[in-house]
Amino acid sequence: MKDLDLVGLDLAKNVFQLHGCSSTGEVVFRKQLRRSKLLSFIAELPTCTIAMEACSGSHYWGREFEALGHSVRLISPKYVKPFVKRSKSDAIDAEAICEAALRPTMYYPAVETQFR
């Protein structure tokens, strides 16, 4: 996992899909985790960038991951959709999030603080 540079995370209610890749886009890992195991797994990763689709829950997770020392990028779902290659599934969405986050001109909204 020393080549890990970016993690694409597809958020869900109970089961999260993760797609880890290097800065060149080479796959480092693909993983499915339950909600209870997500933070402990992310805490064990080397410091990297975590990309997620922007939604209300992504701001909570973004604050949690930033507290662990990772940088967080939120991406609007409309910018992720063009990178979905096959029929939609959570694992394919996580991969598409990684691909979108590797684009140099992508727009990333900021993670909101808990108290606005």
N, C-alpha and C. Protein backbone atom coordinates (compact mmCIF):
# COMPACT_ATOMS: atom_id res chain seq x y z
N MET A 1 0.81 -1.20 0.00
CA MET A 1 0.00 0.00 0.00
C MET A 1 0.86 1.27 0.00
N LYS A 2 2.17 1.12 -0.14
CA LYS A 2 3.02 2.30 -0.13
C LYS A 2 2.84 3.16 -1.36
N ASP A 3 2.30 2.61 -2.46
CA ASP A 3 2.05 3.38 -3.68
C ASP A 3 0.69 4.06 -3.65
N LEU A 4 -0.06 3.87 -2.60
CA LEU A 4 -1.41 4.42 -2.51
C LEU A 4 -1.38 5.95 -2.48
N ASP A 5 -2.12 6.56 -3.39
CA ASP A 5 -2.17 8.02 -3.46
C ASP A 5 -3.60 8.54 -3.33
N LEU A 6 -4.57 7.75 -3.79
CA LEU A 6 -5.95 8.20 -3.86
C LEU A 6 -6.89 7.05 -3.54
N VAL A 7 -7.92 7.32 -2.75
CA VAL A 7 -8.95 6.34 -2.44
C VAL A 7 -10.29 6.91 -2.89
N GLY A 8 -10.98 6.19 -3.75
CA GLY A 8 -12.34 6.56 -4.15
C GLY A 8 -13.30 5.82 -3.25
N LEU A 9 -14.22 6.54 -2.63
CA LEU A 9 -15.13 5.96 -1.65
C LEU A 9 -16.56 6.20 -2.08
N ASP A 10 -17.30 5.11 -2.30
CA ASP A 10 -18.72 5.22 -2.61
C ASP A 10 -19.49 5.06 -1.31
N LEU A 11 -20.18 6.11 -0.88
CA LEU A 11 -20.90 6.10 0.38
C LEU A 11 -22.22 5.37 0.26
N ALA A 12 -22.63 4.73 1.34
CA ALA A 12 -23.89 4.01 1.40
C ALA A 12 -24.37 3.97 2.84
N LYS A 13 -25.47 3.29 3.08
CA LYS A 13 -25.98 3.21 4.45
C LYS A 13 -25.15 2.25 5.30
N ASN A 14 -24.91 1.05 4.81
CA ASN A 14 -24.24 0.03 5.61
C ASN A 14 -22.93 -0.49 5.04
N VAL A 15 -22.85 -0.63 3.73
CA VAL A 15 -21.67 -1.23 3.10
C VAL A 15 -21.06 -0.21 2.15
N PHE A 16 -19.77 0.11 2.37
CA PHE A 16 -19.05 1.08 1.56
C PHE A 16 -18.11 0.36 0.62
N GLN A 17 -17.95 0.91 -0.58
CA GLN A 17 -17.01 0.37 -1.55
C GLN A 17 -15.83 1.32 -1.64
N LEU A 18 -14.61 0.78 -1.59
CA LEU A 18 -13.40 1.57 -1.69
C LEU A 18 -12.59 1.10 -2.88
N HIS A 19 -11.97 2.05 -3.55
CA HIS A 19 -11.11 1.76 -4.70
C HIS A 19 -9.85 2.59 -4.50
N GLY A 20 -8.72 1.94 -4.25
CA GLY A 20 -7.46 2.63 -4.03
C GLY A 20 -6.60 2.58 -5.27
N CYS A 21 -5.97 3.71 -5.61
CA CYS A 21 -5.11 3.73 -6.79
C CYS A 21 -3.90 4.63 -6.55
N SER A 22 -2.91 4.45 -7.40
CA SER A 22 -1.70 5.26 -7.34
C SER A 22 -1.95 6.56 -8.11
N SER A 23 -0.97 7.42 -8.16
CA SER A 23 -1.12 8.70 -8.86
C SER A 23 -1.24 8.51 -10.37
N THR A 24 -0.80 7.35 -10.87
CA THR A 24 -0.93 7.07 -12.30
C THR A 24 -2.24 6.37 -12.65
N GLY A 25 -3.04 6.03 -11.65
CA GLY A 25 -4.31 5.36 -11.88
C GLY A 25 -4.25 3.85 -11.76
N GLU A 26 -3.09 3.32 -11.41
CA GLU A 26 -2.93 1.87 -11.25
C GLU A 26 -3.66 1.42 -9.98
N VAL A 27 -4.42 0.34 -10.08
CA VAL A 27 -5.22 -0.14 -8.95
C VAL A 27 -4.32 -0.73 -7.87
N VAL A 28 -4.50 -0.26 -6.62
CA VAL A 28 -3.76 -0.78 -5.48
C VAL A 28 -4.64 -1.75 -4.70
N PHE A 29 -5.92 -1.42 -4.52
CA PHE A 29 -6.84 -2.33 -3.86
C PHE A 29 -8.29 -1.98 -4.22
N ARG A 30 -9.13 -2.98 -4.05
CA ARG A 30 -10.59 -2.82 -4.12
C ARG A 30 -11.14 -3.49 -2.88
N LYS A 31 -12.00 -2.81 -2.16
CA LYS A 31 -12.43 -3.35 -0.88
C LYS A 31 -13.87 -2.95 -0.59
N GLN A 32 -14.56 -3.83 0.11
CA GLN A 32 -15.92 -3.58 0.58
C GLN A 32 -15.89 -3.63 2.10
N LEU A 33 -16.40 -2.57 2.75
CA LEU A 33 -16.36 -2.49 4.21
C LEU A 33 -17.71 -2.12 4.79
N ARG A 34 -17.98 -2.65 5.96
CA ARG A 34 -19.18 -2.25 6.71
C ARG A 34 -18.89 -0.95 7.42
N ARG A 35 -19.95 -0.24 7.78
CA ARG A 35 -19.84 1.05 8.44
C ARG A 35 -18.96 0.99 9.69
N SER A 36 -19.10 -0.06 10.48
CA SER A 36 -18.36 -0.17 11.74
C SER A 36 -16.85 -0.33 11.53
N LYS A 37 -16.42 -0.78 10.37
CA LYS A 37 -15.00 -1.03 10.10
C LYS A 37 -14.33 0.08 9.30
N LEU A 38 -15.10 1.03 8.77
CA LEU A 38 -14.56 2.02 7.84
C LEU A 38 -13.49 2.91 8.48
N LEU A 39 -13.79 3.52 9.61
CA LEU A 39 -12.83 4.44 10.23
C LEU A 39 -11.54 3.74 10.64
N SER A 40 -11.64 2.54 11.17
CA SER A 40 -10.42 1.83 11.59
C SER A 40 -9.56 1.47 10.38
N PHE A 41 -10.18 1.12 9.25
CA PHE A 41 -9.43 0.81 8.04
C PHE A 41 -8.74 2.07 7.50
N ILE A 42 -9.46 3.18 7.44
CA ILE A 42 -8.90 4.43 6.93
C ILE A 42 -7.77 4.91 7.84
N ALA A 43 -7.90 4.70 9.14
CA ALA A 43 -6.86 5.13 10.09
C ALA A 43 -5.56 4.38 9.85
N GLU A 44 -5.63 3.14 9.36
CA GLU A 44 -4.44 2.34 9.11
C GLU A 44 -3.76 2.66 7.78
N LEU A 45 -4.45 3.37 6.90
CA LEU A 45 -3.87 3.70 5.59
C LEU A 45 -2.80 4.78 5.74
N PRO A 46 -1.80 4.77 4.86
CA PRO A 46 -0.86 5.90 4.85
C PRO A 46 -1.61 7.16 4.43
N THR A 47 -1.10 8.32 4.81
CA THR A 47 -1.77 9.57 4.47
C THR A 47 -1.95 9.68 2.97
N CYS A 48 -3.19 9.91 2.56
CA CYS A 48 -3.51 9.97 1.14
C CYS A 48 -4.71 10.90 0.93
N THR A 49 -5.18 10.97 -0.28
CA THR A 49 -6.36 11.75 -0.62
C THR A 49 -7.54 10.81 -0.72
N ILE A 50 -8.66 11.20 -0.12
CA ILE A 50 -9.88 10.40 -0.18
C ILE A 50 -10.92 11.21 -0.94
N ALA A 51 -11.43 10.64 -2.02
CA ALA A 51 -12.43 11.32 -2.86
C ALA A 51 -13.78 10.65 -2.68
N MET A 52 -14.82 11.49 -2.59
CA MET A 52 -16.19 11.00 -2.42
C MET A 52 -17.13 11.88 -3.24
N GLU A 53 -18.29 11.33 -3.59
CA GLU A 53 -19.32 12.17 -4.19
C GLU A 53 -19.88 13.09 -3.12
N ALA A 54 -20.11 14.33 -3.49
CA ALA A 54 -20.61 15.32 -2.52
C ALA A 54 -22.08 15.05 -2.21
N CYS A 55 -22.37 14.91 -0.93
CA CYS A 55 -23.74 14.76 -0.44
C CYS A 55 -23.72 15.17 1.03
N SER A 56 -24.84 15.12 1.69
CA SER A 56 -24.88 15.55 3.08
C SER A 56 -24.00 14.67 3.97
N GLY A 57 -23.97 13.39 3.74
CA GLY A 57 -23.15 12.48 4.54
C GLY A 57 -21.67 12.60 4.27
N SER A 58 -21.30 13.06 3.09
CA SER A 58 -19.88 13.16 2.76
C SER A 58 -19.17 14.23 3.59
N HIS A 59 -19.88 15.23 4.04
CA HIS A 59 -19.26 16.27 4.87
C HIS A 59 -18.90 15.70 6.24
N TYR A 60 -19.76 14.85 6.79
CA TYR A 60 -19.45 14.20 8.07
C TYR A 60 -18.21 13.33 7.92
N TRP A 61 -18.21 12.46 6.90
CA TRP A 61 -17.08 11.56 6.70
C TRP A 61 -15.82 12.35 6.36
N GLY A 62 -15.96 13.42 5.62
CA GLY A 62 -14.81 14.25 5.29
C GLY A 62 -14.14 14.82 6.54
N ARG A 63 -14.93 15.29 7.49
CA ARG A 63 -14.37 15.80 8.75
C ARG A 63 -13.67 14.70 9.53
N GLU A 64 -14.25 13.51 9.53
CA GLU A 64 -13.64 12.37 10.24
C GLU A 64 -12.29 11.99 9.60
N PHE A 65 -12.24 11.95 8.27
CA PHE A 65 -11.00 11.56 7.58
C PHE A 65 -9.93 12.65 7.71
N GLU A 66 -10.34 13.91 7.67
CA GLU A 66 -9.37 15.00 7.85
C GLU A 66 -8.78 14.97 9.26
N ALA A 67 -9.58 14.57 10.25
CA ALA A 67 -9.07 14.45 11.62
C ALA A 67 -8.01 13.35 11.72
N LEU A 68 -8.06 12.38 10.81
CA LEU A 68 -7.07 11.30 10.78
C LEU A 68 -5.83 11.69 9.97
N GLY A 69 -5.83 12.89 9.39
CA GLY A 69 -4.66 13.36 8.65
C GLY A 69 -4.75 13.23 7.14
N HIS A 70 -5.84 12.73 6.61
CA HIS A 70 -6.00 12.58 5.16
C HIS A 70 -6.54 13.88 4.57
N SER A 71 -6.32 14.08 3.29
CA SER A 71 -6.96 15.19 2.60
C SER A 71 -8.20 14.64 1.91
N VAL A 72 -9.24 15.45 1.84
CA VAL A 72 -10.53 15.00 1.32
C VAL A 72 -10.92 15.85 0.13
N ARG A 73 -11.41 15.19 -0.91
CA ARG A 73 -11.93 15.86 -2.10
C ARG A 73 -13.37 15.40 -2.31
N LEU A 74 -14.26 16.35 -2.38
CA LEU A 74 -15.65 16.04 -2.71
C LEU A 74 -15.87 16.39 -4.17
N ILE A 75 -16.62 15.54 -4.86
CA ILE A 75 -16.88 15.75 -6.28
C ILE A 75 -18.39 15.66 -6.49
N SER A 76 -18.91 16.59 -7.26
CA SER A 76 -20.34 16.56 -7.58
C SER A 76 -20.66 15.30 -8.37
N PRO A 77 -21.78 14.64 -8.06
CA PRO A 77 -22.14 13.41 -8.78
C PRO A 77 -22.26 13.60 -10.29
N LYS A 78 -22.63 14.79 -10.72
CA LYS A 78 -22.75 15.01 -12.18
C LYS A 78 -21.40 14.99 -12.88
N TYR A 79 -20.30 15.21 -12.13
CA TYR A 79 -18.97 15.13 -12.72
C TYR A 79 -18.40 13.71 -12.65
N VAL A 80 -18.98 12.85 -11.83
CA VAL A 80 -18.52 11.46 -11.73
C VAL A 80 -19.20 10.59 -12.78
N LYS A 81 -20.44 10.88 -13.10
CA LYS A 81 -21.24 10.05 -14.00
C LYS A 81 -20.56 9.75 -15.35
N PRO A 82 -19.88 10.70 -15.98
CA PRO A 82 -19.24 10.36 -17.27
C PRO A 82 -18.13 9.31 -17.17
N PHE A 83 -17.62 9.04 -15.98
CA PHE A 83 -16.53 8.09 -15.82
C PHE A 83 -17.01 6.67 -15.50
N VAL A 84 -18.32 6.48 -15.36
CA VAL A 84 -18.88 5.14 -15.13
C VAL A 84 -18.85 4.40 -16.46
N LYS A 85 -18.11 3.28 -16.50
CA LYS A 85 -17.87 2.58 -17.77
C LYS A 85 -18.93 1.55 -18.11
N ARG A 86 -19.43 0.86 -17.10
CA ARG A 86 -20.36 -0.25 -17.34
C ARG A 86 -21.64 0.02 -16.59
N SER A 87 -22.46 -1.00 -16.45
CA SER A 87 -23.70 -0.83 -15.70
C SER A 87 -23.39 -0.43 -14.26
N LYS A 88 -24.27 0.32 -13.68
CA LYS A 88 -24.02 0.94 -12.38
C LYS A 88 -23.97 -0.08 -11.25
N SER A 89 -22.94 0.03 -10.42
CA SER A 89 -22.83 -0.70 -9.17
C SER A 89 -21.96 0.14 -8.25
N ASP A 90 -21.97 -0.16 -6.97
CA ASP A 90 -21.20 0.64 -6.02
C ASP A 90 -19.69 0.54 -6.27
N ALA A 91 -19.21 -0.64 -6.62
CA ALA A 91 -17.78 -0.80 -6.89
C ALA A 91 -17.35 -0.02 -8.12
N ILE A 92 -18.18 -0.01 -9.15
CA ILE A 92 -17.88 0.74 -10.37
C ILE A 92 -17.94 2.24 -10.09
N ASP A 93 -18.86 2.66 -9.22
CA ASP A 93 -18.94 4.07 -8.84
C ASP A 93 -17.67 4.50 -8.09
N ALA A 94 -17.15 3.66 -7.21
CA ALA A 94 -15.92 3.99 -6.48
C ALA A 94 -14.75 4.15 -7.45
N GLU A 95 -14.68 3.31 -8.45
CA GLU A 95 -13.63 3.42 -9.46
C GLU A 95 -13.79 4.71 -10.27
N ALA A 96 -15.02 5.05 -10.62
CA ALA A 96 -15.28 6.28 -11.38
C ALA A 96 -14.93 7.52 -10.56
N ILE A 97 -15.15 7.47 -9.26
CA ILE A 97 -14.78 8.58 -8.38
C ILE A 97 -13.26 8.78 -8.42
N CYS A 98 -12.51 7.69 -8.39
CA CYS A 98 -11.05 7.78 -8.49
C CYS A 98 -10.63 8.41 -9.81
N GLU A 99 -11.22 7.97 -10.89
CA GLU A 99 -10.85 8.51 -12.20
C GLU A 99 -11.17 9.99 -12.30
N ALA A 100 -12.32 10.39 -11.77
CA ALA A 100 -12.69 11.80 -11.81
C ALA A 100 -11.74 12.63 -10.95
N ALA A 101 -11.33 12.10 -9.81
CA ALA A 101 -10.44 12.84 -8.91
C ALA A 101 -9.03 12.99 -9.47
N LEU A 102 -8.64 12.14 -10.40
CA LEU A 102 -7.31 12.24 -11.02
C LEU A 102 -7.24 13.34 -12.07
N ARG A 103 -8.36 13.89 -12.48
CA ARG A 103 -8.38 14.95 -13.49
C ARG A 103 -7.85 16.25 -12.88
N PRO A 104 -6.93 16.91 -13.56
CA PRO A 104 -6.31 18.11 -12.97
C PRO A 104 -7.24 19.32 -12.90
N THR A 105 -8.28 19.38 -13.70
CA THR A 105 -9.14 20.56 -13.71
C THR A 105 -10.46 20.36 -12.99
N MET A 106 -10.58 19.30 -12.22
CA MET A 106 -11.83 18.99 -11.52
C MET A 106 -12.09 20.03 -10.42
N TYR A 107 -13.36 20.35 -10.23
CA TYR A 107 -13.78 21.29 -9.18
C TYR A 107 -14.12 20.49 -7.92
N TYR A 108 -13.58 20.92 -6.78
CA TYR A 108 -13.83 20.24 -5.51
C TYR A 108 -14.45 21.21 -4.51
N PRO A 109 -15.73 21.04 -4.15
CA PRO A 109 -16.28 21.89 -3.09
C PRO A 109 -15.62 21.56 -1.76
N ALA A 110 -15.60 22.53 -0.86
CA ALA A 110 -14.96 22.34 0.45
C ALA A 110 -15.83 21.50 1.37
N VAL A 111 -15.19 20.81 2.29
CA VAL A 111 -15.92 20.07 3.33
C VAL A 111 -16.45 21.10 4.32
N GLU A 112 -17.75 21.04 4.58
CA GLU A 112 -18.36 22.01 5.48
C GLU A 112 -18.04 21.67 6.92
N THR A 113 -17.91 22.70 7.74
CA THR A 113 -17.71 22.49 9.16
C THR A 113 -19.02 22.08 9.80
N GLN A 114 -18.95 21.59 11.01
CA GLN A 114 -20.15 21.11 11.67
C GLN A 114 -21.11 22.26 12.00
N PHE A 115 -20.55 23.40 12.38
CA PHE A 115 -21.37 24.56 12.72
C PHE A 115 -21.14 25.64 11.69
N ARG A 116 -22.16 25.94 10.93
CA ARG A 116 -22.00 26.96 9.88
C ARG A 116 -22.15 28.33 10.43
